Amino acid sequence: MKEQIISILEQIRPFLQRDGGDVEFVDYDEADKTVYVKLQGHCAGCPHAQATVKGGIESILREQFPEAVACVEAVN
């Protein structure tokens, strides 16, 4: 599952990079179906970071893997 999640994140990265940001996969907890990511660049300090994580990244991953991803959390 980690490889599949990373593959989707690789597809999302160019959109974040256009605005000077980026996303890095940190971990996946299979037990509670949580993906942990680290926002980088402009995304790390952006006031819209939570919207990027929840409304963007989480939405896409849950759509792709509804049985495997319940939420996405940003870590520092």
C-alpha atoms as a PDB file:
ATOM      1  CA  MET A   1       0.000   0.000   0.000  1.00  0.00           C
ATOM      2  CA  LYS A   2       2.865   2.398   0.787  1.00  0.00           C
ATOM      3  CA  GLU A   3       4.126   2.189  -2.786  1.00  0.00           C
ATOM      4  CA  GLN A   4       0.660   2.963  -4.148  1.00  0.00           C
ATOM      5  CA  ILE A   5       0.287   5.964  -1.845  1.00  0.00           C
ATOM      6  CA  ILE A   6       3.724   7.252  -2.839  1.00  0.00           C
ATOM      7  CA  SER A   7       2.764   6.869  -6.493  1.00  0.00           C
ATOM      8  CA  ILE A   8      -0.289   9.089  -6.038  1.00  0.00           C
ATOM      9  CA  LEU A   9       1.732  11.633  -4.044  1.00  0.00           C
ATOM     10  CA  GLU A  10       4.207  11.771  -6.942  1.00  0.00           C
ATOM     11  CA  GLN A  11       1.299  12.772  -9.193  1.00  0.00           C
ATOM     12  CA  ILE A  12       0.225  15.514  -6.755  1.00  0.00           C
ATOM     13  CA  ARG A  13       3.726  16.957  -6.207  1.00  0.00           C
ATOM     14  CA  PRO A  14       3.962  18.989  -9.466  1.00  0.00           C
ATOM     15  CA  PHE A  15       0.888  21.005  -8.485  1.00  0.00           C
ATOM     16  CA  LEU A  16       2.430  21.915  -5.136  1.00  0.00           C
ATOM     17  CA  GLN A  17       5.821  22.567  -6.710  1.00  0.00           C
ATOM     18  CA  ARG A  18       4.284  25.154  -9.050  1.00  0.00           C
ATOM     19  CA  ASP A  19       3.538  27.254  -5.980  1.00  0.00           C
ATOM     20  CA  GLY A  20       6.960  26.698  -4.416  1.00  0.00           C
ATOM     21  CA  GLY A  21       5.887  23.853  -2.137  1.00  0.00           C
ATOM     22  CA  ASP A  22       6.218  20.104  -1.996  1.00  0.00           C
ATOM     23  CA  VAL A  23       5.010  17.048  -0.105  1.00  0.00           C
ATOM     24  CA  GLU A  24       7.024  14.150   1.280  1.00  0.00           C
ATOM     25  CA  PHE A  25       5.631  10.754   2.308  1.00  0.00           C
ATOM     26  CA  VAL A  26       6.535   9.999   5.927  1.00  0.00           C
ATOM     27  CA  ASP A  27       4.584   6.875   6.903  1.00  0.00           C
ATOM     28  CA  TYR A  28       1.381   4.885   6.580  1.00  0.00           C
ATOM     29  CA  ASP A  29      -0.326   3.338   9.608  1.00  0.00           C
ATOM     30  CA  GLU A  30      -2.293   0.385   8.290  1.00  0.00           C
ATOM     31  CA  ALA A  31      -4.094  -0.161  11.609  1.00  0.00           C
ATOM     32  CA  ASP A  32      -5.805   3.229  11.675  1.00  0.00           C
ATOM     33  CA  LYS A  33      -5.544   3.884   7.923  1.00  0.00           C
ATOM     34  CA  THR A  34      -3.646   7.147   8.380  1.00  0.00           C
ATOM     35  CA  VAL A  35      -1.132   8.572   5.938  1.00  0.00           C
ATOM     36  CA  TYR A  36       1.514  10.902   7.361  1.00  0.00           C
ATOM     37  CA  VAL A  37       3.082  13.503   5.102  1.00  0.00           C
ATOM     38  CA  LYS A  38       5.437  16.424   5.535  1.00  0.00           C
ATOM     39  CA  LEU A  39       4.769  19.653   3.678  1.00  0.00           C
ATOM     40  CA  GLN A  40       7.862  21.434   2.432  1.00  0.00           C
ATOM     41  CA  GLY A  41       8.826  24.763   0.929  1.00  0.00           C
ATOM     42  CA  HIS A  42       6.086  27.384   0.820  1.00  0.00           C
ATOM     43  CA  CYS A  43       3.500  24.784   1.803  1.00  0.00           C
ATOM     44  CA  ALA A  44       5.152  24.247   5.189  1.00  0.00           C
ATOM     45  CA  GLY A  45       4.326  27.716   6.466  1.00  0.00           C
ATOM     46  CA  CYS A  46       1.302  28.483   4.346  1.00  0.00           C
ATOM     47  CA  PRO A  47      -1.914  29.485   6.136  1.00  0.00           C
ATOM     48  CA  HIS A  48      -3.749  27.201   3.700  1.00  0.00           C
ATOM     49  CA  ALA A  49      -1.646  24.136   4.550  1.00  0.00           C
ATOM     50  CA  GLN A  50      -4.492  22.388   6.381  1.00  0.00           C
ATOM     51  CA  ALA A  51      -6.768  22.886   3.370  1.00  0.00           C
ATOM     52  CA  THR A  52      -4.050  21.452   1.126  1.00  0.00           C
ATOM     53  CA  VAL A  53      -3.707  18.372   3.321  1.00  0.00           C
ATOM     54  CA  LYS A  54      -7.399  17.721   3.989  1.00  0.00           C
ATOM     55  CA  GLY A  55      -9.126  19.148   0.923  1.00  0.00           C
ATOM     56  CA  GLY A  56      -6.471  18.155  -1.563  1.00  0.00           C
ATOM     57  CA  ILE A  57      -4.171  15.309  -0.611  1.00  0.00           C
ATOM     58  CA  GLU A  58      -6.578  13.466   1.700  1.00  0.00           C
ATOM     59  CA  SER A  59      -9.459  13.826  -0.731  1.00  0.00           C
ATOM     60  CA  ILE A  60      -7.439  12.362  -3.599  1.00  0.00           C
ATOM     61  CA  LEU A  61      -6.013   9.473  -1.558  1.00  0.00           C
ATOM     62  CA  ARG A  62      -9.414   8.564  -0.083  1.00  0.00           C
ATOM     63  CA  GLU A  63     -10.919   8.596  -3.563  1.00  0.00           C
ATOM     64  CA  GLN A  64      -8.170   6.317  -4.896  1.00  0.00           C
ATOM     65  CA  PHE A  65      -8.041   3.986  -1.882  1.00  0.00           C
ATOM     66  CA  PRO A  66     -11.348   4.239   0.009  1.00  0.00           C
ATOM     67  CA  GLU A  67     -10.790   0.956   1.840  1.00  0.00           C
ATOM     68  CA  ALA A  68      -7.228   1.799   2.899  1.00  0.00           C
ATOM     69  CA  VAL A  69      -7.049   5.525   3.676  1.00  0.00           C
ATOM     70  CA  ALA A  70      -9.187   7.166   6.345  1.00  0.00           C
ATOM     71  CA  CYS A  71      -7.197  10.375   6.824  1.00  0.00           C
ATOM     72  CA  VAL A  72      -3.998  12.243   6.056  1.00  0.00           C
ATOM     73  CA  GLU A  73      -2.046  14.076   8.744  1.00  0.00           C
ATOM     74  CA  ALA A  74       0.783  16.559   8.278  1.00  0.00           C
ATOM     75  CA  VAL A  75       3.808  16.199  10.549  1.00  0.00           C
ATOM     76  CA  ASN A  76       6.643  18.616  11.180  1.00  0.00           C
END
